[in-house]
Amino acid sequence: MKITIQREPFFKAFQLAATVAPSRSPKTILTNVKIECSETACVLTATDMEVGIRVVVPEVMVGTSGSAVIPVTRLSMILRESRDENLEINATPEKTIIKGKGSKFELQAHNPDEFPEVADFEVKDYYELSANVLRELIKRTLFATDAESSRYALGGVKLEVDGEQLVAIGTDGRRLAVQRGKMEVVGTPEDNGSSTIVPSRSMQLIDRILPDNEEKVQISPQANELLVRSPDGVFFTRLVEGRYPKWQDVIPKRDNGHKIDIAVGPMYQSLRQAAIVSSDESRGVDFTFGDGSLVLSNTTAEVGESRIEMPVPYDGEPKTITLDHRYVADFLKVLQPDKTFTFDIKDGEQAAYFSTEDQYGYVIMPLSKDRR
């Protein structure tokens, strides 16, 4: 294989592929990235056997078609430190040579045939949605997962299909986030029911391959894997095995709760002030509604007290609920400051439910007084 690359766009594509390659592995070949070039395309592939990625490399001049396997660390350092606009890569069975105007590197060769195959997106039945919608689904649910939980299913984002909507759910057992997004159904994709649970790390990597626009991406859930295709490449991941909680039962369905519309920006600012006196042992903030205001208060024996008041449209009987300030902040951080959300509260014993007009729901379990 002999190719000439434009260093900067190649480095960008390479960094994306390198996020999948493990830094250490019993299978040394996996700590490399494979380059495959034909007359029509050049593709980088990487995998750790649980996830895999295929990235199309732009701006490559192919002199001789072929493939090469190159160590991630060494090639990354060469691409980062070089100041050449173009580099030449010449791979033979004995070695890989990388040349610039005044530089030359010879790296140990690996047999490309020993590199595992990484699945391509060859299915004809799939779901299609905009990159921005999928990014929002990930952003608003991923933070609520629990990768360290002994209940392994909670270490991923669950995807469900509801008509022409894709539903993403994340929970760690103490809070739950649900976001819906519009999509299109192409063909007759396989219905996995409740088995499409995508590992949290895979969701982070999927987010990285998505363009920052309305371009279309395709997803295809399989029996035990998920394929995602974006304009920049294809991502493959194995799915999490395990039973997911019946999340629909967690969403409060009550007619006797109090629903208060609150501005995101002022709420987040008030919360941050109230949390100043919190500690690792005392994370609970009291949210007290009454007389047209919301008072956020916190008391920590070793630090002190805080009391922050903000106006809200509530004139009913006083209601107080104690919530972990971190969980509330996580919700507010994924919203635009100039937007509003609805705070649904019944009392201090039942879950608080936050919702927005764009089909985002968030449940937080209250803290008891002795767990503040």
Protein backbone atom coordinates (compact mmCIF):
# COMPACT_ATOMS: atom_id res chain seq x y z
CA MET A 1 0.00 0.00 0.00
CA LYS A 2 1.24 3.45 -0.88
CA ILE A 3 -0.79 6.57 -0.10
CA THR A 4 -0.30 10.30 0.37
CA ILE A 5 -2.40 11.89 3.11
CA GLN A 6 -3.25 15.42 4.18
CA ARG A 7 -2.03 15.31 7.75
CA GLU A 8 -4.71 17.36 9.55
CA PRO A 9 -7.88 15.70 8.16
CA PHE A 10 -6.21 12.30 8.43
CA PHE A 11 -5.24 12.99 12.06
CA LYS A 12 -8.82 13.99 12.89
CA ALA A 13 -10.17 10.74 11.45
CA PHE A 14 -7.40 8.76 13.10
CA GLN A 15 -8.14 10.22 16.53
CA LEU A 16 -11.76 9.15 16.15
CA ALA A 17 -10.75 5.58 15.35
CA ALA A 18 -8.13 5.56 18.11
CA THR A 19 -10.77 6.18 20.80
CA VAL A 20 -11.95 2.61 20.26
CA ALA A 21 -8.56 0.88 20.21
CA PRO A 22 -7.50 -0.32 23.69
CA SER A 23 -4.20 0.97 25.09
CA ARG A 24 -3.48 -2.53 26.42
CA SER A 25 -4.83 -5.90 25.39
CA PRO A 26 -3.85 -9.58 25.56
CA LYS A 27 -4.30 -9.44 21.80
CA THR A 28 -1.56 -7.01 20.77
CA ILE A 29 -3.06 -6.58 17.31
CA LEU A 30 -5.99 -4.70 18.87
CA THR A 31 -3.74 -1.84 20.02
CA ASN A 32 -3.37 -0.91 16.36
CA VAL A 33 -5.49 0.78 13.74
CA LYS A 34 -5.95 -0.83 10.36
CA ILE A 35 -5.79 1.27 7.20
CA GLU A 36 -7.49 -0.12 4.11
CA CYS A 37 -7.25 1.79 0.85
CA SER A 38 -8.76 1.10 -2.55
CA GLU A 39 -9.04 3.26 -5.63
CA THR A 40 -12.34 4.69 -4.35
CA ALA A 41 -11.96 5.00 -0.57
CA CYS A 42 -9.63 4.82 2.41
CA VAL A 43 -11.01 3.49 5.71
CA LEU A 44 -9.59 3.30 9.22
CA THR A 45 -10.85 0.48 11.47
CA ALA A 46 -10.34 -0.19 15.17
CA THR A 47 -11.91 -2.51 17.71
CA ASP A 48 -11.59 -3.92 21.21
CA MET A 49 -13.95 -6.81 20.28
CA GLU A 50 -16.82 -5.19 22.19
CA VAL A 51 -17.04 -2.07 20.06
CA GLY A 52 -15.68 -1.30 16.64
CA ILE A 53 -15.47 1.64 14.26
CA ARG A 54 -14.93 2.27 10.56
CA VAL A 55 -13.97 5.83 9.67
CA VAL A 56 -13.79 7.10 6.11
CA VAL A 57 -10.64 9.18 5.60
CA PRO A 58 -10.94 12.26 3.39
CA GLU A 59 -8.31 13.79 1.12
CA VAL A 60 -6.19 10.66 0.46
CA MET A 61 -4.27 10.10 -2.76
CA VAL A 62 -3.94 6.36 -3.35
CA GLY A 63 -0.87 5.31 -5.30
CA THR A 64 -1.15 1.60 -4.59
CA SER A 65 -4.18 -0.09 -3.02
CA GLY A 66 -3.69 -2.26 0.03
CA SER A 67 -3.80 -2.31 3.81
CA ALA A 68 -1.57 -1.84 6.83
CA VAL A 69 -1.80 -2.20 10.59
CA ILE A 70 -0.06 0.60 12.51
CA PRO A 71 0.39 1.08 16.30
CA VAL A 72 -2.01 3.71 17.62
CA THR A 73 0.46 5.39 19.97
CA ARG A 74 3.31 5.74 17.49
CA LEU A 75 1.24 6.94 14.56
CA SER A 76 -0.60 9.38 16.81
CA MET A 77 2.71 10.89 17.97
CA ILE A 78 3.97 11.18 14.40
CA LEU A 79 0.80 12.90 13.21
CA ARG A 80 0.77 15.24 16.20
CA GLU A 81 4.42 16.27 16.10
CA SER A 82 4.81 16.57 12.34
CA ARG A 83 4.41 20.00 10.75
CA ASP A 84 4.18 18.70 7.20
CA GLU A 85 0.96 19.37 5.32
CA ASN A 86 1.25 16.03 3.52
CA LEU A 87 2.75 12.70 4.53
CA GLU A 88 3.47 9.59 2.52
CA ILE A 89 2.68 6.15 3.98
CA ASN A 90 4.26 3.14 2.31
CA ALA A 91 3.44 -0.26 3.80
CA THR A 92 5.22 -3.50 2.91
CA PRO A 93 5.08 -6.91 4.60
CA GLU A 94 8.32 -6.05 6.42
CA LYS A 95 7.68 -2.49 7.62
CA THR A 96 5.60 0.68 7.35
CA ILE A 97 7.44 3.82 6.27
CA ILE A 98 6.02 7.29 6.95
CA LYS A 99 7.80 10.16 5.21
CA GLY A 100 7.52 13.93 5.32
CA LYS A 101 9.64 16.63 3.70
CA GLY A 102 12.43 16.25 6.25
CA SER A 103 11.34 13.24 8.27
CA LYS A 104 11.18 9.50 7.94
CA PHE A 105 9.84 6.87 10.33
CA GLU A 106 10.02 3.11 10.00
CA LEU A 107 7.55 1.13 12.12
CA GLN A 108 7.30 -2.60 12.70
CA ALA A 109 4.87 -4.28 10.32
CA HIS A 110 1.88 -6.37 11.39
CA ASN A 111 -0.09 -8.77 9.26
CA PRO A 112 -3.34 -7.01 8.22
CA ASP A 113 -5.02 -10.40 7.78
CA GLU A 114 -4.76 -10.97 11.55
CA PHE A 115 -6.80 -7.86 12.35
CA PRO A 116 -10.41 -8.72 13.31
CA GLU A 117 -13.18 -7.80 10.92
CA VAL A 118 -15.26 -4.80 11.95
CA ALA A 119 -18.90 -4.92 10.87
CA ASP A 120 -19.99 -2.54 8.12
CA PHE A 121 -23.50 -1.11 7.75
CA GLU A 122 -24.90 -3.42 5.09
CA VAL A 123 -28.48 -3.78 6.36
CA LYS A 124 -31.47 -2.51 4.36
CA ASP A 125 -33.87 -2.22 7.31
CA TYR A 126 -33.09 0.49 9.84
CA TYR A 127 -34.22 3.60 11.67
CA GLU A 128 -33.18 7.04 10.45
CA LEU A 129 -33.03 10.30 12.38
CA SER A 130 -31.08 13.53 12.37
CA ALA A 131 -27.70 13.65 14.06
CA ASN A 132 -28.89 16.48 16.32
CA VAL A 133 -31.86 14.44 17.52
CA LEU A 134 -29.69 11.42 18.34
CA ARG A 135 -27.15 13.64 20.09
CA GLU A 136 -29.94 15.11 22.23
CA LEU A 137 -31.19 11.63 23.11
CA ILE A 138 -27.71 10.71 24.31
CA LYS A 139 -26.99 14.00 26.09
CA ARG A 140 -30.21 13.94 28.09
CA THR A 141 -30.06 10.31 29.28
CA LEU A 142 -26.43 9.15 29.42
CA PHE A 143 -25.62 11.05 32.62
CA ALA A 144 -28.36 9.18 34.52
CA THR A 145 -26.85 5.73 33.93
CA ASP A 146 -24.75 3.87 36.48
CA ALA A 147 -21.75 2.15 34.92
CA GLU A 148 -20.55 0.91 38.35
CA SER A 149 -23.83 -0.70 39.37
CA SER A 150 -23.93 -4.41 40.17
CA ARG A 151 -27.12 -4.38 38.12
CA TYR A 152 -25.29 -4.36 34.82
CA ALA A 153 -28.31 -3.31 32.75
CA LEU A 154 -28.24 0.07 34.49
CA GLY A 155 -24.82 0.70 32.96
CA GLY A 156 -26.36 1.53 29.60
CA VAL A 157 -28.95 3.60 27.79
CA LYS A 158 -32.06 1.69 26.77
CA LEU A 159 -33.51 2.37 23.33
CA GLU A 160 -37.12 1.66 22.47
CA VAL A 161 -39.21 2.25 19.39
CA ASP A 162 -42.62 3.84 19.86
CA GLY A 163 -44.24 4.31 16.47
CA GLU A 164 -42.19 6.99 14.71
CA GLN A 165 -40.32 7.96 17.86
CA LEU A 166 -37.09 6.65 19.30
CA VAL A 167 -37.16 6.61 23.10
CA ALA A 168 -33.94 6.73 25.15
CA ILE A 169 -33.95 5.88 28.87
CA GLY A 170 -31.19 6.15 31.46
CA THR A 171 -31.41 5.30 35.16
CA ASP A 172 -29.19 4.44 38.12
CA GLY A 173 -32.03 3.43 40.42
CA ARG A 174 -32.25 6.83 42.14
CA ARG A 175 -33.21 8.98 39.15
CA LEU A 176 -34.49 8.29 35.65
CA ALA A 177 -34.25 10.30 32.43
CA VAL A 178 -36.43 9.74 29.36
CA GLN A 179 -36.13 11.56 26.03
CA ARG A 180 -38.15 11.02 22.86
CA GLY A 181 -37.06 11.95 19.34
CA LYS A 182 -38.65 11.83 15.91
CA MET A 183 -37.35 9.26 13.46
CA GLU A 184 -38.26 7.46 10.24
CA VAL A 185 -38.61 3.71 9.75
CA VAL A 186 -36.92 2.34 6.64
CA GLY A 187 -37.96 -1.17 5.65
CA THR A 188 -38.83 -3.55 8.46
CA PRO A 189 -36.15 -3.32 11.17
CA GLU A 190 -35.89 -6.11 13.70
CA ASP A 191 -37.98 -5.49 16.83
CA ASN A 192 -35.76 -6.27 19.82
CA GLY A 193 -38.47 -5.44 22.32
CA SER A 194 -36.76 -4.59 25.60
CA SER A 195 -33.30 -5.93 24.75
CA THR A 196 -31.64 -2.89 23.17
CA ILE A 197 -29.47 -1.60 26.02
CA VAL A 198 -26.41 0.25 24.73
CA PRO A 199 -23.34 0.43 27.05
CA SER A 200 -22.65 3.92 28.40
CA ARG A 201 -19.15 3.98 26.92
CA SER A 202 -20.55 3.08 23.51
CA MET A 203 -23.03 5.93 23.74
CA GLN A 204 -20.15 8.32 24.45
CA LEU A 205 -18.32 7.06 21.37
CA ILE A 206 -21.43 7.26 19.18
CA ASP A 207 -21.81 10.89 20.22
CA ARG A 208 -18.29 11.56 18.96
CA ILE A 209 -18.95 10.26 15.44
CA LEU A 210 -22.10 12.34 14.97
CA PRO A 211 -21.91 15.48 12.83
CA ASP A 212 -23.00 18.67 14.50
CA ASN A 213 -25.95 19.31 12.20
CA GLU A 214 -29.20 17.90 10.84
CA GLU A 215 -27.55 15.30 8.59
CA LYS A 216 -29.24 11.93 8.72
CA VAL A 217 -27.80 8.96 10.61
CA GLN A 218 -29.02 5.39 10.58
CA ILE A 219 -29.24 2.87 13.42
CA SER A 220 -29.93 -0.83 13.22
CA PRO A 221 -30.52 -2.87 16.41
CA GLN A 222 -29.68 -6.54 16.01
CA ALA A 223 -30.11 -9.51 18.36
CA ASN A 224 -27.05 -8.65 20.45
CA GLU A 225 -25.49 -5.65 18.74
CA LEU A 226 -26.19 -2.18 17.40
CA LEU A 227 -24.93 -0.61 14.19
CA VAL A 228 -24.82 3.16 13.69
CA ARG A 229 -23.93 4.86 10.41
CA SER A 230 -23.06 8.54 10.16
CA PRO A 231 -21.55 10.52 7.26
CA ASP A 232 -18.11 9.98 8.85
CA GLY A 233 -18.26 6.24 9.36
CA VAL A 234 -19.84 3.20 10.97
CA PHE A 235 -19.89 2.26 14.64
CA PHE A 236 -20.57 -1.21 16.04
CA THR A 237 -21.24 -2.17 19.65
CA ARG A 238 -22.36 -5.22 21.52
CA LEU A 239 -25.43 -4.70 23.67
CA VAL A 240 -25.74 -5.06 27.43
CA GLU A 241 -27.33 -8.27 28.62
CA GLY A 242 -29.74 -8.13 31.52
CA ARG A 243 -33.24 -7.12 32.51
CA TYR A 244 -34.04 -3.43 32.52
CA PRO A 245 -36.44 -2.00 35.12
CA LYS A 246 -40.03 -1.29 34.06
CA TRP A 247 -39.28 2.37 33.62
CA GLN A 248 -42.84 3.32 32.66
CA ASP A 249 -43.94 2.44 36.20
CA VAL A 250 -41.50 5.01 37.60
CA ILE A 251 -43.02 7.99 35.78
CA PRO A 252 -45.52 9.64 38.16
CA LYS A 253 -49.08 9.51 36.88
CA ARG A 254 -50.95 11.76 39.27
CA ASP A 255 -53.70 14.32 38.95
CA ASN A 256 -53.31 15.72 42.44
CA GLY A 257 -49.74 16.96 42.15
CA HIS A 258 -48.71 20.58 41.83
CA LYS A 259 -47.09 21.59 38.53
CA ILE A 260 -44.95 24.72 38.64
CA ASP A 261 -43.26 26.24 35.58
CA ILE A 262 -39.73 27.42 36.38
CA ALA A 263 -37.06 29.16 34.29
CA VAL A 264 -33.98 26.99 33.83
CA GLY A 265 -31.29 29.69 34.17
CA PRO A 266 -32.48 31.28 37.44
CA MET A 267 -33.15 27.85 38.93
CA TYR A 268 -29.66 26.62 38.12
CA GLN A 269 -28.11 29.78 39.54
CA SER A 270 -30.11 29.48 42.76
CA LEU A 271 -29.28 25.79 43.08
CA ARG A 272 -25.55 26.43 42.74
CA GLN A 273 -25.73 29.02 45.49
CA ALA A 274 -27.70 26.74 47.79
CA ALA A 275 -25.20 23.92 47.24
CA ILE A 276 -22.22 26.03 48.36
CA VAL A 277 -22.50 24.72 51.93
CA SER A 278 -23.09 21.10 50.89
CA SER A 279 -20.56 18.32 51.51
CA ASP A 280 -19.97 14.74 50.46
CA GLU A 281 -21.96 13.61 53.48
CA SER A 282 -24.74 16.19 53.10
CA ARG A 283 -25.95 16.69 49.55
CA GLY A 284 -29.63 17.26 50.20
CA VAL A 285 -31.18 20.63 49.36
CA ASP A 286 -34.68 21.48 50.61
CA PHE A 287 -37.03 22.81 47.92
CA THR A 288 -39.88 24.66 49.67
CA PHE A 289 -42.75 26.08 47.63
CA GLY A 290 -45.18 28.63 49.08
CA ASP A 291 -46.43 32.22 48.88
CA GLY A 292 -45.27 32.74 45.30
CA SER A 293 -41.70 31.69 45.92
CA LEU A 294 -39.33 28.76 45.98
CA VAL A 295 -36.80 28.63 48.79
CA LEU A 296 -33.73 26.46 48.36
CA SER A 297 -32.03 25.79 51.67
CA ASN A 298 -29.23 23.61 52.94
CA THR A 299 -27.68 23.00 56.34
CA THR A 300 -24.39 21.25 56.93
CA ALA A 301 -23.08 20.90 60.47
CA GLU A 302 -19.42 21.29 59.57
CA VAL A 303 -19.94 24.10 57.01
CA GLY A 304 -23.01 26.22 57.69
CA GLU A 305 -26.34 27.17 56.16
CA SER A 306 -27.68 28.61 52.92
CA ARG A 307 -31.06 30.04 51.98
CA ILE A 308 -31.83 31.20 48.44
CA GLU A 309 -35.25 32.52 47.44
CA MET A 310 -36.63 32.94 43.92
CA PRO A 311 -40.13 33.83 42.66
CA VAL A 312 -42.28 31.06 41.15
CA PRO A 313 -45.95 30.88 40.16
CA TYR A 314 -47.13 28.89 43.21
CA ASP A 315 -49.63 30.06 45.84
CA GLY A 316 -50.83 26.76 47.32
CA GLU A 317 -50.10 25.14 50.64
CA PRO A 318 -46.38 25.01 51.51
CA LYS A 319 -44.66 21.94 50.05
CA THR A 320 -41.12 20.80 50.82
CA ILE A 321 -39.08 18.07 49.17
CA THR A 322 -35.41 17.24 49.76
CA LEU A 323 -33.39 16.35 46.66
CA ASP A 324 -29.76 15.59 45.91
CA HIS A 325 -28.52 18.85 44.39
CA ARG A 326 -26.22 16.99 41.98
CA TYR A 327 -29.13 15.17 40.37
CA VAL A 328 -31.08 18.39 39.90
CA ALA A 329 -28.01 20.11 38.44
CA ASP A 330 -27.46 17.26 35.97
CA PHE A 331 -30.96 17.85 34.61
CA LEU A 332 -30.61 21.63 34.36
CA LYS A 333 -27.20 21.46 32.66
CA VAL A 334 -28.58 19.70 29.57
CA LEU A 335 -31.24 22.39 29.02
CA GLN A 336 -30.97 25.84 27.49
CA PRO A 337 -30.84 28.55 30.21
CA ASP A 338 -33.59 30.57 28.53
CA LYS A 339 -36.06 27.66 28.52
CA THR A 340 -38.53 26.60 31.19
CA PHE A 341 -39.41 23.24 32.72
CA THR A 342 -42.27 21.96 34.84
CA PHE A 343 -41.59 20.90 38.43
CA ASP A 344 -44.27 18.37 39.46
CA ILE A 345 -44.42 17.83 43.24
CA LYS A 346 -46.98 16.16 45.46
CA ASP A 347 -45.21 16.00 48.81
CA GLY A 348 -41.83 15.27 50.36
CA GLU A 349 -42.24 11.51 50.23
CA GLN A 350 -43.03 10.92 46.56
CA ALA A 351 -40.73 11.37 43.56
CA ALA A 352 -40.32 14.78 41.94
CA TYR A 353 -40.95 14.84 38.22
CA PHE A 354 -39.39 17.39 35.87
CA SER A 355 -40.58 17.71 32.28
CA THR A 356 -40.14 19.97 29.25
CA GLU A 357 -42.20 20.77 26.17
CA ASP A 358 -39.85 18.77 23.93
CA GLN A 359 -40.77 15.42 25.47
CA TYR A 360 -38.06 15.21 28.11
CA GLY A 361 -38.92 13.68 31.47
CA TYR A 362 -36.79 13.30 34.59
CA VAL A 363 -37.67 11.55 37.86
CA ILE A 364 -35.74 12.08 41.11
CA MET A 365 -36.38 10.12 44.28
CA PRO A 366 -36.48 12.34 47.38
CA LEU A 367 -34.01 12.03 50.25
CA SER A 368 -35.27 11.27 53.71
CA LYS A 369 -34.30 13.69 56.45
CA ASP A 370 -31.73 11.29 57.92
CA ARG A 371 -30.05 10.95 54.50
CA ARG A 372 -29.72 14.61 53.69
